[in-house]
N, C-alpha and C. Protein backbone atom coordinates (compact mmCIF):
# COMPACT_ATOMS: atom_id res chain seq x y z
N MET A 1 7.78 -28.87 -0.11
CA MET A 1 7.32 -30.12 0.48
C MET A 1 5.91 -29.95 1.08
N GLU A 2 5.72 -28.86 1.81
CA GLU A 2 4.43 -28.60 2.42
C GLU A 2 3.35 -28.39 1.36
N LEU A 3 3.72 -27.73 0.26
CA LEU A 3 2.78 -27.49 -0.84
C LEU A 3 2.34 -28.81 -1.47
N MET A 4 3.28 -29.74 -1.65
CA MET A 4 2.94 -31.05 -2.21
C MET A 4 1.99 -31.80 -1.28
N PHE A 5 2.24 -31.73 0.03
CA PHE A 5 1.38 -32.40 1.00
C PHE A 5 -0.04 -31.83 0.92
N GLU A 6 -0.15 -30.51 0.83
CA GLU A 6 -1.47 -29.86 0.75
C GLU A 6 -2.20 -30.28 -0.52
N GLN A 7 -1.49 -30.34 -1.64
CA GLN A 7 -2.13 -30.75 -2.90
C GLN A 7 -2.58 -32.21 -2.84
N GLU A 8 -1.76 -33.08 -2.26
CA GLU A 8 -2.15 -34.49 -2.12
C GLU A 8 -3.38 -34.62 -1.21
N ARG A 9 -3.41 -33.84 -0.13
CA ARG A 9 -4.55 -33.88 0.78
C ARG A 9 -5.83 -33.44 0.06
N ARG A 10 -5.72 -32.38 -0.74
CA ARG A 10 -6.88 -31.89 -1.47
C ARG A 10 -7.40 -32.92 -2.47
N LEU A 11 -6.50 -33.63 -3.10
CA LEU A 11 -6.92 -34.63 -4.08
C LEU A 11 -7.66 -35.80 -3.44
N ARG A 12 -7.51 -35.97 -2.12
CA ARG A 12 -8.24 -37.02 -1.41
C ARG A 12 -9.65 -36.56 -1.00
N LEU A 13 -9.89 -35.25 -1.03
CA LEU A 13 -11.20 -34.72 -0.67
C LEU A 13 -12.12 -34.75 -1.89
N ARG A 14 -13.33 -35.21 -1.69
CA ARG A 14 -14.33 -35.16 -2.76
C ARG A 14 -14.93 -33.76 -2.79
N ALA A 15 -14.84 -33.13 -3.94
CA ALA A 15 -15.29 -31.74 -4.06
C ALA A 15 -16.40 -31.60 -5.09
N ALA A 16 -17.16 -30.54 -4.93
CA ALA A 16 -18.14 -30.12 -5.94
C ALA A 16 -17.96 -28.62 -6.15
N VAL A 17 -18.15 -28.20 -7.39
CA VAL A 17 -17.93 -26.81 -7.78
C VAL A 17 -19.27 -26.18 -8.15
N PHE A 18 -19.52 -24.99 -7.61
CA PHE A 18 -20.77 -24.27 -7.83
C PHE A 18 -20.43 -22.88 -8.34
N VAL A 19 -20.85 -22.58 -9.57
CA VAL A 19 -20.47 -21.33 -10.22
C VAL A 19 -21.67 -20.37 -10.28
N ASP A 20 -21.51 -19.21 -9.68
CA ASP A 20 -22.49 -18.13 -9.71
C ASP A 20 -22.20 -17.32 -10.98
N VAL A 21 -22.69 -17.80 -12.10
CA VAL A 21 -22.34 -17.22 -13.41
C VAL A 21 -22.73 -15.74 -13.49
N GLN A 22 -23.89 -15.37 -12.97
CA GLN A 22 -24.32 -13.97 -13.04
C GLN A 22 -23.31 -13.06 -12.36
N ASN A 23 -22.86 -13.43 -11.17
CA ASN A 23 -21.90 -12.62 -10.44
C ASN A 23 -20.59 -12.49 -11.20
N ILE A 24 -20.09 -13.59 -11.70
CA ILE A 24 -18.80 -13.60 -12.41
C ILE A 24 -18.91 -12.83 -13.73
N GLN A 25 -19.98 -13.07 -14.48
CA GLN A 25 -20.15 -12.39 -15.77
C GLN A 25 -20.25 -10.87 -15.60
N GLU A 26 -21.02 -10.43 -14.59
CA GLU A 26 -21.19 -8.99 -14.37
C GLU A 26 -19.85 -8.30 -14.14
N VAL A 27 -19.02 -8.90 -13.30
CA VAL A 27 -17.72 -8.30 -12.99
C VAL A 27 -16.86 -8.19 -14.24
N PHE A 28 -16.74 -9.27 -14.98
CA PHE A 28 -15.78 -9.28 -16.09
C PHE A 28 -16.31 -8.61 -17.36
N GLU A 29 -17.61 -8.59 -17.56
CA GLU A 29 -18.14 -7.85 -18.71
C GLU A 29 -17.87 -6.35 -18.53
N LYS A 30 -17.95 -5.86 -17.30
CA LYS A 30 -17.64 -4.45 -17.02
C LYS A 30 -16.18 -4.13 -17.29
N GLN A 31 -15.33 -5.14 -17.19
CA GLN A 31 -13.89 -4.97 -17.42
C GLN A 31 -13.49 -5.33 -18.85
N TRP A 32 -14.45 -5.48 -19.74
CA TRP A 32 -14.19 -5.88 -21.13
C TRP A 32 -13.35 -7.17 -21.16
N SER A 33 -13.82 -8.15 -20.42
CA SER A 33 -13.11 -9.43 -20.33
C SER A 33 -14.08 -10.57 -20.54
N GLU A 34 -13.51 -11.70 -20.92
CA GLU A 34 -14.29 -12.92 -21.14
C GLU A 34 -13.79 -13.98 -20.18
N VAL A 35 -14.71 -14.77 -19.64
CA VAL A 35 -14.35 -15.85 -18.73
C VAL A 35 -14.32 -17.15 -19.52
N ARG A 36 -13.22 -17.86 -19.43
CA ARG A 36 -13.08 -19.16 -20.10
C ARG A 36 -13.43 -20.25 -19.08
N TYR A 37 -14.70 -20.65 -19.05
CA TYR A 37 -15.17 -21.64 -18.09
C TYR A 37 -14.54 -23.01 -18.34
N ASP A 38 -14.14 -23.29 -19.57
CA ASP A 38 -13.46 -24.55 -19.86
C ASP A 38 -12.09 -24.59 -19.17
N ARG A 39 -11.37 -23.49 -19.24
CA ARG A 39 -10.05 -23.44 -18.60
C ARG A 39 -10.16 -23.42 -17.07
N LEU A 40 -11.20 -22.79 -16.56
CA LEU A 40 -11.44 -22.81 -15.12
C LEU A 40 -11.67 -24.24 -14.66
N ARG A 41 -12.47 -24.98 -15.40
CA ARG A 41 -12.75 -26.39 -15.06
C ARG A 41 -11.47 -27.22 -15.08
N GLU A 42 -10.66 -27.04 -16.13
CA GLU A 42 -9.39 -27.77 -16.23
C GLU A 42 -8.48 -27.45 -15.05
N TYR A 43 -8.39 -26.18 -14.69
CA TYR A 43 -7.54 -25.76 -13.57
C TYR A 43 -8.00 -26.41 -12.26
N ILE A 44 -9.30 -26.38 -12.01
CA ILE A 44 -9.82 -26.95 -10.77
C ILE A 44 -9.56 -28.45 -10.73
N LEU A 45 -9.73 -29.14 -11.86
CA LEU A 45 -9.50 -30.58 -11.90
C LEU A 45 -8.05 -30.96 -11.64
N GLN A 46 -7.11 -30.07 -11.94
CA GLN A 46 -5.70 -30.35 -11.65
C GLN A 46 -5.42 -30.40 -10.16
N ASN A 47 -6.24 -29.71 -9.37
CA ASN A 47 -5.96 -29.55 -7.95
C ASN A 47 -6.99 -30.18 -7.02
N HIS A 48 -8.05 -30.74 -7.57
CA HIS A 48 -9.14 -31.26 -6.74
C HIS A 48 -9.74 -32.51 -7.37
N ASP A 49 -10.31 -33.37 -6.52
CA ASP A 49 -11.07 -34.53 -6.98
C ASP A 49 -12.54 -34.11 -7.04
N VAL A 50 -12.95 -33.64 -8.20
CA VAL A 50 -14.29 -33.05 -8.35
C VAL A 50 -15.27 -34.11 -8.85
N ILE A 51 -16.38 -34.23 -8.13
CA ILE A 51 -17.41 -35.18 -8.57
C ILE A 51 -18.51 -34.49 -9.38
N LYS A 52 -18.62 -33.15 -9.27
CA LYS A 52 -19.65 -32.45 -10.03
C LYS A 52 -19.31 -30.97 -10.18
N PHE A 53 -19.60 -30.45 -11.37
CA PHE A 53 -19.51 -29.02 -11.67
C PHE A 53 -20.93 -28.54 -11.97
N VAL A 54 -21.38 -27.51 -11.27
CA VAL A 54 -22.73 -26.98 -11.50
C VAL A 54 -22.64 -25.48 -11.73
N ALA A 55 -23.22 -25.01 -12.82
CA ALA A 55 -23.26 -23.58 -13.13
C ALA A 55 -24.70 -23.09 -13.01
N PHE A 56 -24.87 -21.99 -12.30
CA PHE A 56 -26.19 -21.40 -12.08
C PHE A 56 -26.29 -20.15 -12.94
N ILE A 57 -27.27 -20.17 -13.88
CA ILE A 57 -27.30 -19.14 -14.91
C ILE A 57 -28.72 -18.59 -15.08
N PRO A 58 -28.95 -17.37 -14.63
CA PRO A 58 -30.22 -16.73 -14.94
C PRO A 58 -30.19 -16.22 -16.38
N TYR A 59 -31.36 -16.11 -16.98
CA TYR A 59 -31.40 -15.65 -18.37
C TYR A 59 -32.68 -14.86 -18.61
N ARG A 60 -32.65 -14.05 -19.63
CA ARG A 60 -33.85 -13.37 -20.13
C ARG A 60 -34.31 -14.14 -21.35
N LYS A 61 -35.61 -14.23 -21.50
CA LYS A 61 -36.19 -15.04 -22.58
C LYS A 61 -35.65 -14.66 -23.95
N ASP A 62 -35.42 -13.39 -24.18
CA ASP A 62 -35.00 -12.92 -25.51
C ASP A 62 -33.49 -12.71 -25.65
N ASP A 63 -32.72 -13.18 -24.69
CA ASP A 63 -31.26 -12.95 -24.69
C ASP A 63 -30.53 -14.12 -25.36
N GLU A 64 -30.31 -14.00 -26.67
CA GLU A 64 -29.65 -15.08 -27.42
C GLU A 64 -28.21 -15.29 -26.98
N LYS A 65 -27.53 -14.22 -26.61
CA LYS A 65 -26.15 -14.33 -26.16
C LYS A 65 -26.06 -15.19 -24.89
N ARG A 66 -26.99 -14.99 -23.97
CA ARG A 66 -27.01 -15.79 -22.73
C ARG A 66 -27.35 -17.24 -23.04
N GLN A 67 -28.25 -17.47 -23.99
CA GLN A 67 -28.60 -18.83 -24.39
C GLN A 67 -27.37 -19.55 -24.96
N ARG A 68 -26.58 -18.84 -25.76
CA ARG A 68 -25.35 -19.43 -26.31
C ARG A 68 -24.35 -19.74 -25.19
N LEU A 69 -24.29 -18.86 -24.18
CA LEU A 69 -23.41 -19.10 -23.03
C LEU A 69 -23.85 -20.36 -22.28
N ILE A 70 -25.14 -20.51 -22.07
CA ILE A 70 -25.67 -21.71 -21.40
C ILE A 70 -25.29 -22.96 -22.18
N ASP A 71 -25.50 -22.93 -23.49
CA ASP A 71 -25.16 -24.08 -24.33
C ASP A 71 -23.67 -24.39 -24.25
N ALA A 72 -22.84 -23.36 -24.33
CA ALA A 72 -21.38 -23.56 -24.30
C ALA A 72 -20.94 -24.15 -22.97
N ILE A 73 -21.43 -23.59 -21.87
CA ILE A 73 -21.03 -24.08 -20.54
C ILE A 73 -21.48 -25.52 -20.34
N SER A 74 -22.67 -25.86 -20.80
CA SER A 74 -23.14 -27.24 -20.64
C SER A 74 -22.29 -28.22 -21.44
N LEU A 75 -21.81 -27.80 -22.61
CA LEU A 75 -20.94 -28.66 -23.42
C LEU A 75 -19.54 -28.81 -22.82
N MET A 76 -19.18 -27.95 -21.88
CA MET A 76 -17.87 -28.02 -21.23
C MET A 76 -17.86 -28.99 -20.05
N GLY A 77 -19.00 -29.58 -19.73
CA GLY A 77 -19.04 -30.53 -18.64
C GLY A 77 -19.65 -30.01 -17.35
N TYR A 78 -20.31 -28.89 -17.42
CA TYR A 78 -21.03 -28.34 -16.27
C TYR A 78 -22.49 -28.74 -16.37
N ARG A 79 -23.09 -29.07 -15.24
CA ARG A 79 -24.55 -29.18 -15.19
C ARG A 79 -25.06 -27.76 -15.05
N CYS A 80 -25.99 -27.35 -15.90
CA CYS A 80 -26.50 -25.98 -15.86
C CYS A 80 -27.88 -25.94 -15.21
N VAL A 81 -27.98 -25.13 -14.17
CA VAL A 81 -29.26 -24.86 -13.53
C VAL A 81 -29.64 -23.45 -13.97
N CYS A 82 -30.74 -23.35 -14.70
CA CYS A 82 -31.12 -22.07 -15.30
C CYS A 82 -32.47 -21.61 -14.76
N LYS A 83 -32.60 -20.30 -14.70
CA LYS A 83 -33.86 -19.70 -14.24
C LYS A 83 -34.08 -18.41 -15.00
N GLN A 84 -35.31 -18.23 -15.46
CA GLN A 84 -35.62 -16.99 -16.17
C GLN A 84 -35.62 -15.83 -15.18
N ALA A 85 -34.91 -14.76 -15.54
CA ALA A 85 -34.84 -13.56 -14.71
C ALA A 85 -36.20 -12.89 -14.67
N LYS A 86 -36.48 -12.26 -13.53
CA LYS A 86 -37.75 -11.56 -13.38
C LYS A 86 -37.55 -10.07 -13.64
N GLU A 87 -38.39 -9.54 -14.51
CA GLU A 87 -38.35 -8.10 -14.79
C GLU A 87 -39.35 -7.40 -13.88
N ARG A 88 -38.88 -6.37 -13.19
CA ARG A 88 -39.72 -5.60 -12.29
C ARG A 88 -40.44 -4.50 -13.07
N PRO A 89 -41.52 -3.96 -12.49
CA PRO A 89 -42.26 -2.89 -13.17
C PRO A 89 -41.40 -1.66 -13.50
N ASP A 90 -40.36 -1.41 -12.69
CA ASP A 90 -39.51 -0.24 -12.95
C ASP A 90 -38.46 -0.50 -14.03
N GLY A 91 -38.46 -1.71 -14.60
CA GLY A 91 -37.53 -2.03 -15.68
C GLY A 91 -36.27 -2.75 -15.24
N THR A 92 -36.00 -2.78 -13.93
CA THR A 92 -34.83 -3.50 -13.44
C THR A 92 -35.09 -5.00 -13.52
N VAL A 93 -34.01 -5.76 -13.46
CA VAL A 93 -34.11 -7.21 -13.59
C VAL A 93 -33.56 -7.88 -12.33
N LYS A 94 -34.30 -8.85 -11.81
CA LYS A 94 -33.83 -9.65 -10.68
C LYS A 94 -33.32 -10.97 -11.24
N ALA A 95 -32.02 -11.21 -11.06
CA ALA A 95 -31.42 -12.40 -11.66
C ALA A 95 -30.55 -13.14 -10.65
N ASN A 96 -31.04 -13.26 -9.43
CA ASN A 96 -30.28 -13.84 -8.35
C ASN A 96 -30.62 -15.33 -8.20
N MET A 97 -29.59 -16.17 -8.07
CA MET A 97 -29.82 -17.61 -7.90
C MET A 97 -29.17 -18.13 -6.62
N ASP A 98 -28.99 -17.27 -5.63
CA ASP A 98 -28.33 -17.66 -4.39
C ASP A 98 -29.05 -18.82 -3.69
N LEU A 99 -30.36 -18.76 -3.63
CA LEU A 99 -31.12 -19.82 -2.96
C LEU A 99 -30.95 -21.15 -3.68
N GLU A 100 -30.98 -21.14 -5.00
CA GLU A 100 -30.79 -22.37 -5.76
C GLU A 100 -29.41 -22.97 -5.51
N ILE A 101 -28.41 -22.11 -5.42
CA ILE A 101 -27.04 -22.58 -5.14
C ILE A 101 -27.00 -23.22 -3.76
N ALA A 102 -27.58 -22.57 -2.76
CA ALA A 102 -27.57 -23.09 -1.39
C ALA A 102 -28.29 -24.44 -1.30
N ILE A 103 -29.42 -24.56 -1.97
CA ILE A 103 -30.17 -25.82 -1.94
C ILE A 103 -29.38 -26.94 -2.62
N GLU A 104 -28.76 -26.64 -3.74
CA GLU A 104 -27.96 -27.65 -4.46
C GLU A 104 -26.80 -28.14 -3.58
N ILE A 105 -26.13 -27.20 -2.92
CA ILE A 105 -25.02 -27.58 -2.03
C ILE A 105 -25.54 -28.45 -0.90
N GLN A 106 -26.64 -28.03 -0.26
CA GLN A 106 -27.22 -28.79 0.84
C GLN A 106 -27.57 -30.21 0.41
N SER A 107 -28.09 -30.36 -0.81
CA SER A 107 -28.49 -31.69 -1.29
C SER A 107 -27.30 -32.61 -1.53
N MET A 108 -26.11 -32.04 -1.66
CA MET A 108 -24.92 -32.86 -1.95
C MET A 108 -24.01 -33.05 -0.74
N LEU A 109 -24.35 -32.51 0.41
CA LEU A 109 -23.43 -32.52 1.56
C LEU A 109 -22.92 -33.90 1.94
N ASP A 110 -23.76 -34.92 1.84
CA ASP A 110 -23.32 -36.27 2.22
C ASP A 110 -22.31 -36.85 1.24
N ALA A 111 -22.25 -36.33 0.03
CA ALA A 111 -21.37 -36.88 -1.00
C ALA A 111 -20.04 -36.15 -1.14
N ILE A 112 -19.88 -35.02 -0.45
CA ILE A 112 -18.67 -34.20 -0.65
C ILE A 112 -18.01 -33.80 0.67
N ASP A 113 -16.71 -33.53 0.56
CA ASP A 113 -15.93 -33.05 1.69
C ASP A 113 -15.59 -31.57 1.54
N GLU A 114 -15.65 -31.10 0.30
CA GLU A 114 -15.21 -29.75 -0.01
C GLU A 114 -16.17 -29.08 -0.99
N VAL A 115 -16.45 -27.80 -0.72
CA VAL A 115 -17.29 -26.99 -1.60
C VAL A 115 -16.40 -25.91 -2.21
N ILE A 116 -16.43 -25.81 -3.53
CA ILE A 116 -15.71 -24.76 -4.22
C ILE A 116 -16.76 -23.84 -4.85
N LEU A 117 -16.83 -22.62 -4.32
CA LEU A 117 -17.77 -21.62 -4.82
C LEU A 117 -17.03 -20.67 -5.74
N VAL A 118 -17.57 -20.44 -6.91
CA VAL A 118 -16.99 -19.46 -7.83
C VAL A 118 -17.93 -18.27 -7.82
N THR A 119 -17.57 -17.27 -7.02
CA THR A 119 -18.40 -16.08 -6.82
C THR A 119 -17.61 -15.05 -6.05
N GLY A 120 -18.17 -13.87 -5.95
CA GLY A 120 -17.60 -12.84 -5.09
C GLY A 120 -18.66 -12.26 -4.18
N ASP A 121 -19.81 -12.90 -4.12
CA ASP A 121 -21.01 -12.39 -3.46
C ASP A 121 -21.00 -12.65 -1.95
N SER A 122 -21.10 -11.57 -1.17
CA SER A 122 -21.10 -11.69 0.29
C SER A 122 -22.36 -12.38 0.82
N ASP A 123 -23.40 -12.51 0.01
CA ASP A 123 -24.61 -13.21 0.45
C ASP A 123 -24.32 -14.65 0.84
N PHE A 124 -23.19 -15.19 0.42
CA PHE A 124 -22.86 -16.58 0.71
C PHE A 124 -22.16 -16.78 2.06
N VAL A 125 -21.87 -15.71 2.78
CA VAL A 125 -21.16 -15.85 4.07
C VAL A 125 -21.94 -16.75 5.04
N PRO A 126 -23.25 -16.58 5.24
CA PRO A 126 -23.96 -17.49 6.14
C PRO A 126 -23.89 -18.95 5.69
N LEU A 127 -23.94 -19.19 4.39
CA LEU A 127 -23.81 -20.55 3.86
C LEU A 127 -22.43 -21.11 4.16
N VAL A 128 -21.40 -20.31 3.95
CA VAL A 128 -20.02 -20.74 4.24
C VAL A 128 -19.88 -21.07 5.72
N ASP A 129 -20.44 -20.23 6.59
CA ASP A 129 -20.39 -20.51 8.03
C ASP A 129 -21.08 -21.83 8.36
N TYR A 130 -22.22 -22.08 7.76
CA TYR A 130 -22.95 -23.33 7.96
C TYR A 130 -22.12 -24.53 7.50
N LEU A 131 -21.54 -24.42 6.32
CA LEU A 131 -20.72 -25.51 5.79
C LEU A 131 -19.52 -25.79 6.69
N SER A 132 -18.91 -24.76 7.20
CA SER A 132 -17.77 -24.93 8.12
C SER A 132 -18.20 -25.66 9.38
N ARG A 133 -19.37 -25.30 9.92
CA ARG A 133 -19.88 -25.99 11.11
C ARG A 133 -20.16 -27.46 10.82
N LYS A 134 -20.47 -27.77 9.58
CA LYS A 134 -20.72 -29.16 9.16
C LYS A 134 -19.42 -29.91 8.85
N GLY A 135 -18.28 -29.23 9.03
CA GLY A 135 -16.99 -29.88 8.81
C GLY A 135 -16.52 -29.90 7.36
N LYS A 136 -17.14 -29.10 6.52
CA LYS A 136 -16.75 -29.05 5.11
C LYS A 136 -15.68 -27.99 4.89
N ARG A 137 -14.75 -28.29 4.01
CA ARG A 137 -13.75 -27.31 3.60
C ARG A 137 -14.39 -26.46 2.51
N VAL A 138 -14.21 -25.14 2.60
CA VAL A 138 -14.82 -24.24 1.62
C VAL A 138 -13.75 -23.36 0.99
N GLU A 139 -13.72 -23.40 -0.33
CA GLU A 139 -12.81 -22.55 -1.09
C GLU A 139 -13.66 -21.65 -1.98
N VAL A 140 -13.24 -20.39 -2.10
CA VAL A 140 -13.88 -19.47 -3.03
C VAL A 140 -12.87 -19.08 -4.09
N ILE A 141 -13.30 -19.17 -5.33
CA ILE A 141 -12.53 -18.62 -6.45
C ILE A 141 -13.35 -17.42 -6.92
N GLY A 142 -12.77 -16.24 -6.75
CA GLY A 142 -13.53 -15.04 -7.04
C GLY A 142 -12.72 -13.99 -7.76
N PRO A 143 -13.40 -12.96 -8.25
CA PRO A 143 -12.75 -11.91 -9.02
C PRO A 143 -12.05 -10.86 -8.15
N GLY A 144 -10.79 -11.05 -7.92
CA GLY A 144 -9.99 -10.05 -7.20
C GLY A 144 -10.49 -9.79 -5.80
N ARG A 145 -9.78 -8.92 -5.11
CA ARG A 145 -10.17 -8.62 -3.74
C ARG A 145 -11.03 -7.37 -3.65
N GLY A 146 -11.30 -6.72 -4.76
CA GLY A 146 -12.23 -5.60 -4.78
C GLY A 146 -13.63 -6.10 -5.06
N PRO A 147 -13.83 -6.75 -6.20
CA PRO A 147 -15.15 -7.28 -6.52
C PRO A 147 -15.60 -8.42 -5.61
N THR A 148 -14.66 -9.15 -5.01
CA THR A 148 -15.05 -10.20 -4.07
C THR A 148 -15.13 -9.59 -2.68
N ALA A 149 -16.26 -9.80 -2.02
CA ALA A 149 -16.50 -9.20 -0.71
C ALA A 149 -15.47 -9.68 0.31
N LEU A 150 -14.92 -8.74 1.05
CA LEU A 150 -13.90 -9.06 2.06
C LEU A 150 -14.44 -10.03 3.11
N GLU A 151 -15.71 -9.86 3.50
CA GLU A 151 -16.28 -10.77 4.51
C GLU A 151 -16.38 -12.20 3.98
N LEU A 152 -16.55 -12.36 2.67
CA LEU A 152 -16.56 -13.70 2.08
C LEU A 152 -15.15 -14.29 2.12
N ILE A 153 -14.17 -13.50 1.74
CA ILE A 153 -12.78 -13.96 1.77
C ILE A 153 -12.39 -14.40 3.17
N ARG A 154 -12.78 -13.63 4.17
CA ARG A 154 -12.44 -13.94 5.57
C ARG A 154 -13.12 -15.21 6.08
N SER A 155 -14.26 -15.56 5.51
CA SER A 155 -15.04 -16.68 6.04
C SER A 155 -14.63 -18.04 5.49
N VAL A 156 -13.87 -18.07 4.39
CA VAL A 156 -13.56 -19.35 3.74
C VAL A 156 -12.21 -19.90 4.18
N ASP A 157 -11.99 -21.18 3.90
CA ASP A 157 -10.70 -21.81 4.19
C ASP A 157 -9.62 -21.33 3.24
N GLU A 158 -10.03 -21.04 2.00
CA GLU A 158 -9.05 -20.57 1.01
C GLU A 158 -9.75 -19.69 -0.01
N PHE A 159 -9.09 -18.61 -0.38
CA PHE A 159 -9.57 -17.74 -1.45
C PHE A 159 -8.55 -17.74 -2.56
N GLU A 160 -9.04 -17.87 -3.78
CA GLU A 160 -8.15 -17.81 -4.94
C GLU A 160 -8.69 -16.76 -5.90
N ASN A 161 -7.81 -15.89 -6.35
CA ASN A 161 -8.18 -14.81 -7.27
C ASN A 161 -8.25 -15.39 -8.68
N ILE A 162 -9.44 -15.37 -9.26
CA ILE A 162 -9.64 -15.93 -10.60
C ILE A 162 -8.80 -15.19 -11.64
N ASP A 163 -8.51 -13.91 -11.38
CA ASP A 163 -7.67 -13.12 -12.30
C ASP A 163 -6.26 -13.69 -12.42
N GLU A 164 -5.82 -14.39 -11.39
CA GLU A 164 -4.45 -14.90 -11.35
C GLU A 164 -4.32 -16.33 -11.87
N ILE A 165 -5.43 -16.93 -12.28
CA ILE A 165 -5.38 -18.28 -12.84
C ILE A 165 -5.14 -18.15 -14.33
N GLU A 166 -4.02 -18.64 -14.77
CA GLU A 166 -3.58 -18.45 -16.16
C GLU A 166 -4.62 -18.93 -17.18
N GLY A 167 -4.95 -18.04 -18.11
CA GLY A 167 -5.81 -18.39 -19.24
C GLY A 167 -7.30 -18.39 -18.97
N VAL A 168 -7.72 -18.08 -17.74
CA VAL A 168 -9.15 -18.13 -17.43
C VAL A 168 -9.84 -16.81 -17.80
N ILE A 169 -9.18 -15.70 -17.56
CA ILE A 169 -9.75 -14.40 -17.89
C ILE A 169 -9.02 -13.85 -19.11
N ILE A 170 -9.76 -13.59 -20.16
CA ILE A 170 -9.20 -13.07 -21.40
C ILE A 170 -9.64 -11.62 -21.55
N ARG A 171 -8.66 -10.72 -21.60
CA ARG A 171 -8.96 -9.29 -21.79
C ARG A 171 -9.25 -9.06 -23.27
N LEU A 172 -10.36 -8.41 -23.54
CA LEU A 172 -10.77 -8.14 -24.92
C LEU A 172 -10.37 -6.72 -25.30
N THR A 173 -10.23 -6.50 -26.60
CA THR A 173 -9.94 -5.14 -27.06
C THR A 173 -11.24 -4.35 -27.06
N ASP A 174 -11.14 -3.03 -27.12
CA ASP A 174 -12.31 -2.16 -27.06
C ASP A 174 -13.34 -2.44 -28.15
N ASN A 175 -12.88 -2.89 -29.31
CA ASN A 175 -13.82 -3.11 -30.41
C ASN A 175 -14.39 -4.53 -30.44
N THR A 176 -14.01 -5.36 -29.49
CA THR A 176 -14.55 -6.71 -29.40
C THR A 176 -15.71 -6.69 -28.44
N GLN A 177 -16.85 -7.20 -28.84
CA GLN A 177 -18.01 -7.20 -27.95
C GLN A 177 -17.93 -8.36 -26.99
N VAL A 178 -18.30 -8.07 -25.75
CA VAL A 178 -18.34 -9.09 -24.71
C VAL A 178 -19.66 -9.82 -24.81
């Protein structure tokens, strides 16, 4: 009975979903897994009144695989915010979109009651604290309790392990390329 009440209450809240694709992809590519963003969207829609899905995706100019991912995610009903990754002189790549995510959330605060962040990044703890002070409900859907920062889990109203959402994470065989 209490579970039904909670689900009904959530469906009355206007929510927006913000996906930190780089964070999620890094975790699951290392585990030889694929993320089904279409199934994630369907799952969230079953439990929330979502007015917008936004995916933040850094890319390298010559990365055709990432371009295909951007195209696929946009066709699934996500608005894609993309930024070319910066290559440093030492060869490392900076592909962080935390600021873009924070600005997008801030721009939508008047239209939403709930923020659903799909990430495991502890950099979002100050943003979560700010949103809580503004009276917003914050849920994080993240990769397990190891890859998702404990301080992020502690700061949100609800944490959901993306690994436990049926059909969202597909384990690939060793000979299948991620």
